[in-house]
Structure formats: C-alpha cells, structure tokens
Amino acid sequence: MLKARTIIQSLAHVTLVLGGARSGKSRYAETCITKAPSPWVYVATGQAYDEEMKARIAEHQSRRAQGWQTIEAPVDLAGAIAKAGKSPILVDCLTLWLTNLMLGEYDIESAIARFEDALAQCAAPIFLVSNEVGLGIVPNSSLGRRFRDEAGKLNQRMAARAGRVLFMVAGLPMTLK
C-alpha cells in the first residue's frame, strides 16, 4: 500500500518514462523535452566505474545536440533540481540513483522525500527516466531482491506524483497516465 505522503495531487509538469533496458526510454524523453525552449538540463545519476559504463555514458552524451547542460548528481537529486532553476529537466535515471543510494548506505526514504519536495517546488517541465525491473525473474541475491522491491516502490511513488506516465516497449511509448 502506498504511504499517505505519496497520495497527493499529481504534478502536471512531471513525466515519468518507464521501460526495460534498451527500450528507448532515454531517447524518447530527450526528444520530448527538446520541444521546450533550451537550455535543457540533463541530470546524470550514472557513474563510470568501468569501461562498459563509460561507453554507455558516452553513447548518451553523443546523441544530445547543443543546448544541453549536464549536472552530475549520483546522490543529490534534490540539489540538482534546485540548481537547474527554470530550465526543463531530464533525470536519467532513477534506478541508477537508487543503486547509488543503496550501495552508499544512504537513508533511501529521506532521499526520496527530499526529491519529492524538490519536484513539488519546481515549476519547470521534468522528465524522469526509470527502469521497470519487476517484469523479469526473481533475483537470486537478497541485495538484488531488495533493489527490485525498492525500485518498484520508487516507481509507484513517482507514478502517483507524475502528471503523465509512459511505458516504453521496443522504442514505442504506451501511455499509462
């Protein structure tokens, strides 16, 4: 059951884009946000700890045209939203942010609450990208199962707040809300 804090008025300026790996969610969010006037702010939560992740980050960076500003925010999403000011914002992605919180042993509940407060105070259009990880097999480790459960709860909270929710399948958006 959702906590009372998450059952609030939808924020029309927030769009949640969910999907599996390589479903096209980031590319779709980038296309949508560039319909608003630039500069656009890309809030990056990923960290390049290995060569494969460096290549993924480079791929995302290479397809963005001029007009983008990047804010690195592996943990402090609330601060990144405040720093972006009135510019349209794309947060990519919530599940990497959650990973960083879990591995850094941060207080997940308070980090999400601060992020929700920042979303409520921001009037700019915001696109949130997140992985839907609950459609696959049950992870074989307790950390994997905890991550899947925490990601599911985070996605539910963001979907309850968002004015619009999309689910990406094979590069195609399906409107959920």
Protein backbone atom coordinates (compact mmCIF):
# COMPACT_ATOMS: atom_id res chain seq x y z
CA MET A 1 0.00 0.00 0.00
CA LEU A 2 1.26 3.49 -0.82
CA LYS A 3 2.12 5.69 2.12
CA ALA A 4 -0.11 8.70 2.72
CA ARG A 5 2.73 11.05 1.73
CA THR A 6 2.67 9.71 -1.83
CA ILE A 7 -1.07 10.06 -2.35
CA ILE A 8 -1.00 13.71 -3.29
CA GLN A 9 -2.05 15.89 -6.14
CA SER A 10 -0.35 14.98 -9.41
CA LEU A 11 2.32 17.34 -10.63
CA ALA A 12 1.35 18.08 -14.23
CA HIS A 13 4.86 19.21 -15.14
CA VAL A 14 6.36 15.79 -14.23
CA THR A 15 6.52 12.99 -16.80
CA LEU A 16 7.73 9.52 -15.79
CA VAL A 17 9.15 7.38 -18.59
CA LEU A 18 9.47 3.71 -17.60
CA GLY A 19 10.81 0.78 -19.55
CA GLY A 20 13.26 -2.08 -19.64
CA ALA A 21 16.89 -1.97 -20.71
CA ARG A 22 17.31 -0.58 -24.23
CA SER A 23 13.59 0.09 -24.55
CA GLY A 24 14.17 3.64 -25.85
CA LYS A 25 13.11 5.47 -22.70
CA SER A 26 16.04 7.92 -22.54
CA ARG A 27 15.93 8.72 -26.24
CA TYR A 28 12.16 9.30 -26.07
CA ALA A 29 12.47 11.59 -23.03
CA GLU A 30 15.24 13.55 -24.79
CA THR A 31 13.04 14.01 -27.87
CA CYS A 32 10.08 15.17 -25.78
CA ILE A 33 11.97 17.64 -23.64
CA THR A 34 13.63 19.33 -26.60
CA LYS A 35 10.19 20.56 -27.66
CA ALA A 36 10.50 23.04 -24.78
CA PRO A 37 12.88 26.01 -25.15
CA SER A 38 16.54 25.40 -24.34
CA PRO A 39 18.70 25.26 -22.35
CA TRP A 40 17.73 21.77 -21.22
CA VAL A 41 19.30 20.25 -18.14
CA TYR A 42 20.40 16.63 -18.16
CA VAL A 43 20.70 15.36 -14.59
CA ALA A 44 23.02 12.36 -14.82
CA THR A 45 22.92 9.83 -12.00
CA GLY A 46 25.25 7.23 -13.54
CA GLN A 47 28.86 6.87 -12.53
CA ALA A 48 31.55 5.49 -14.83
CA TYR A 49 33.18 2.87 -12.64
CA ASP A 50 34.19 0.61 -15.55
CA GLU A 51 34.77 0.74 -19.31
CA GLU A 52 31.33 -0.60 -20.19
CA MET A 53 29.60 2.13 -18.17
CA LYS A 54 31.92 4.75 -19.67
CA ALA A 55 30.80 3.60 -23.13
CA ARG A 56 27.11 3.80 -22.15
CA ILE A 57 27.56 7.34 -20.83
CA ALA A 58 29.44 8.38 -23.98
CA GLU A 59 26.64 6.96 -26.15
CA HIS A 60 24.05 9.04 -24.29
CA GLN A 61 26.20 12.17 -24.50
CA SER A 62 26.91 11.78 -28.23
CA ARG A 63 23.27 11.94 -29.27
CA ARG A 64 22.48 15.17 -27.42
CA ALA A 65 22.68 18.32 -29.52
CA GLN A 66 23.84 21.70 -28.36
CA GLY A 67 21.61 23.37 -25.82
CA TRP A 68 22.09 20.77 -23.09
CA GLN A 69 23.72 21.40 -19.72
CA THR A 70 24.72 18.43 -17.59
CA ILE A 71 24.52 18.23 -13.82
CA GLU A 72 26.18 15.18 -12.30
CA ALA A 73 24.02 14.02 -9.40
CA PRO A 74 24.71 10.45 -8.36
CA VAL A 75 23.08 11.05 -4.94
CA ASP A 76 21.70 14.61 -4.52
CA LEU A 77 18.77 14.80 -6.94
CA ALA A 78 17.02 17.45 -4.84
CA GLY A 79 20.07 19.71 -5.13
CA ALA A 80 20.31 19.11 -8.87
CA ILE A 81 16.66 20.07 -9.38
CA ALA A 82 17.20 23.29 -7.42
CA LYS A 83 20.40 24.04 -9.37
CA ALA A 84 18.60 23.61 -12.72
CA GLY A 85 16.39 26.61 -11.98
CA LYS A 86 13.66 27.20 -14.54
CA SER A 87 15.19 25.08 -17.33
CA PRO A 88 13.45 21.90 -18.49
CA ILE A 89 15.00 18.91 -16.71
CA LEU A 90 15.63 15.29 -17.68
CA VAL A 91 16.69 12.97 -14.84
CA ASP A 92 18.36 9.84 -16.20
CA CYS A 93 17.87 7.60 -14.36
CA LEU A 94 16.10 6.95 -11.09
CA THR A 95 17.21 3.33 -10.83
CA LEU A 96 20.89 4.28 -11.08
CA TRP A 97 20.23 6.90 -8.40
CA LEU A 98 18.61 4.24 -6.23
CA THR A 99 21.62 1.98 -6.78
CA ASN A 100 23.94 4.76 -5.63
CA LEU A 101 21.81 5.34 -2.53
CA MET A 102 21.73 1.65 -1.66
CA LEU A 103 25.42 0.98 -2.21
CA GLY A 104 26.35 4.16 -0.32
CA GLU A 105 24.06 3.08 2.53
CA TYR A 106 22.11 6.35 2.44
CA ASP A 107 18.69 6.78 4.02
CA ILE A 108 16.54 5.99 0.98
CA GLU A 109 13.28 7.22 2.47
CA SER A 110 14.66 10.65 3.35
CA ALA A 111 16.45 10.99 -0.02
CA ILE A 112 13.19 10.24 -1.85
CA ALA A 113 11.26 12.64 0.39
CA ARG A 114 13.78 15.44 -0.37
CA PHE A 115 13.49 14.63 -4.08
CA GLU A 116 9.67 14.74 -3.91
CA ASP A 117 9.84 18.11 -2.18
CA ALA A 118 12.17 19.43 -4.90
CA LEU A 119 9.77 18.18 -7.60
CA ALA A 120 6.86 19.93 -5.89
CA GLN A 121 8.78 23.23 -5.69
CA CYS A 122 9.97 23.16 -9.30
CA ALA A 123 7.72 24.63 -11.99
CA ALA A 124 9.87 23.57 -14.97
CA PRO A 125 8.94 20.53 -17.07
CA ILE A 126 10.69 17.46 -15.65
CA PHE A 127 11.15 14.08 -17.33
CA LEU A 128 12.10 11.21 -15.05
CA VAL A 129 13.55 8.07 -16.63
CA SER A 130 13.42 4.82 -14.69
CA ASN A 131 13.82 1.12 -15.35
CA GLU A 132 10.93 -1.24 -14.77
CA VAL A 133 12.79 -4.12 -13.16
CA GLY A 134 9.86 -6.09 -11.79
CA LEU A 135 8.94 -7.90 -15.00
CA GLY A 136 11.84 -10.37 -15.00
CA ILE A 137 12.93 -13.29 -12.91
CA VAL A 138 13.31 -13.12 -9.14
CA PRO A 139 16.90 -12.07 -8.36
CA ASN A 140 18.97 -14.78 -6.66
CA SER A 141 20.55 -12.48 -4.05
CA SER A 142 19.00 -10.59 -1.16
CA LEU A 143 20.55 -7.35 -2.44
CA GLY A 144 19.04 -7.95 -5.88
CA ARG A 145 15.62 -8.66 -4.41
CA ARG A 146 15.84 -5.58 -2.18
CA PHE A 147 16.81 -3.44 -5.19
CA ARG A 148 13.90 -4.79 -7.24
CA ASP A 149 11.49 -4.08 -4.39
CA GLU A 150 12.87 -0.58 -3.69
CA ALA A 151 12.77 0.26 -7.43
CA GLY A 152 9.16 -0.88 -7.63
CA LYS A 153 8.20 1.28 -4.66
CA LEU A 154 10.11 4.28 -6.06
CA ASN A 155 8.42 3.91 -9.46
CA GLN A 156 5.00 3.71 -7.79
CA ARG A 157 5.68 6.89 -5.82
CA MET A 158 6.83 8.76 -8.90
CA ALA A 159 3.89 7.48 -10.97
CA ALA A 160 1.48 8.69 -8.28
CA ARG A 161 3.04 12.19 -8.45
CA ALA A 162 3.57 12.47 -12.19
CA GLY A 163 1.01 14.15 -14.39
CA ARG A 164 1.97 11.78 -17.20
CA VAL A 165 3.40 8.25 -17.16
CA LEU A 166 4.68 6.39 -20.22
CA PHE A 167 5.91 2.83 -20.61
CA MET A 168 8.40 2.19 -23.41
CA VAL A 169 8.38 -1.11 -25.31
CA ALA A 170 10.67 -1.63 -28.32
CA GLY A 171 11.03 2.14 -28.76
CA LEU A 172 7.29 2.73 -28.69
CA PRO A 173 5.59 4.77 -25.94
CA MET A 174 2.49 3.41 -24.26
CA THR A 175 0.55 5.98 -22.26
CA LEU A 176 -0.33 4.74 -18.78
CA LYS A 177 -1.48 8.06 -17.33
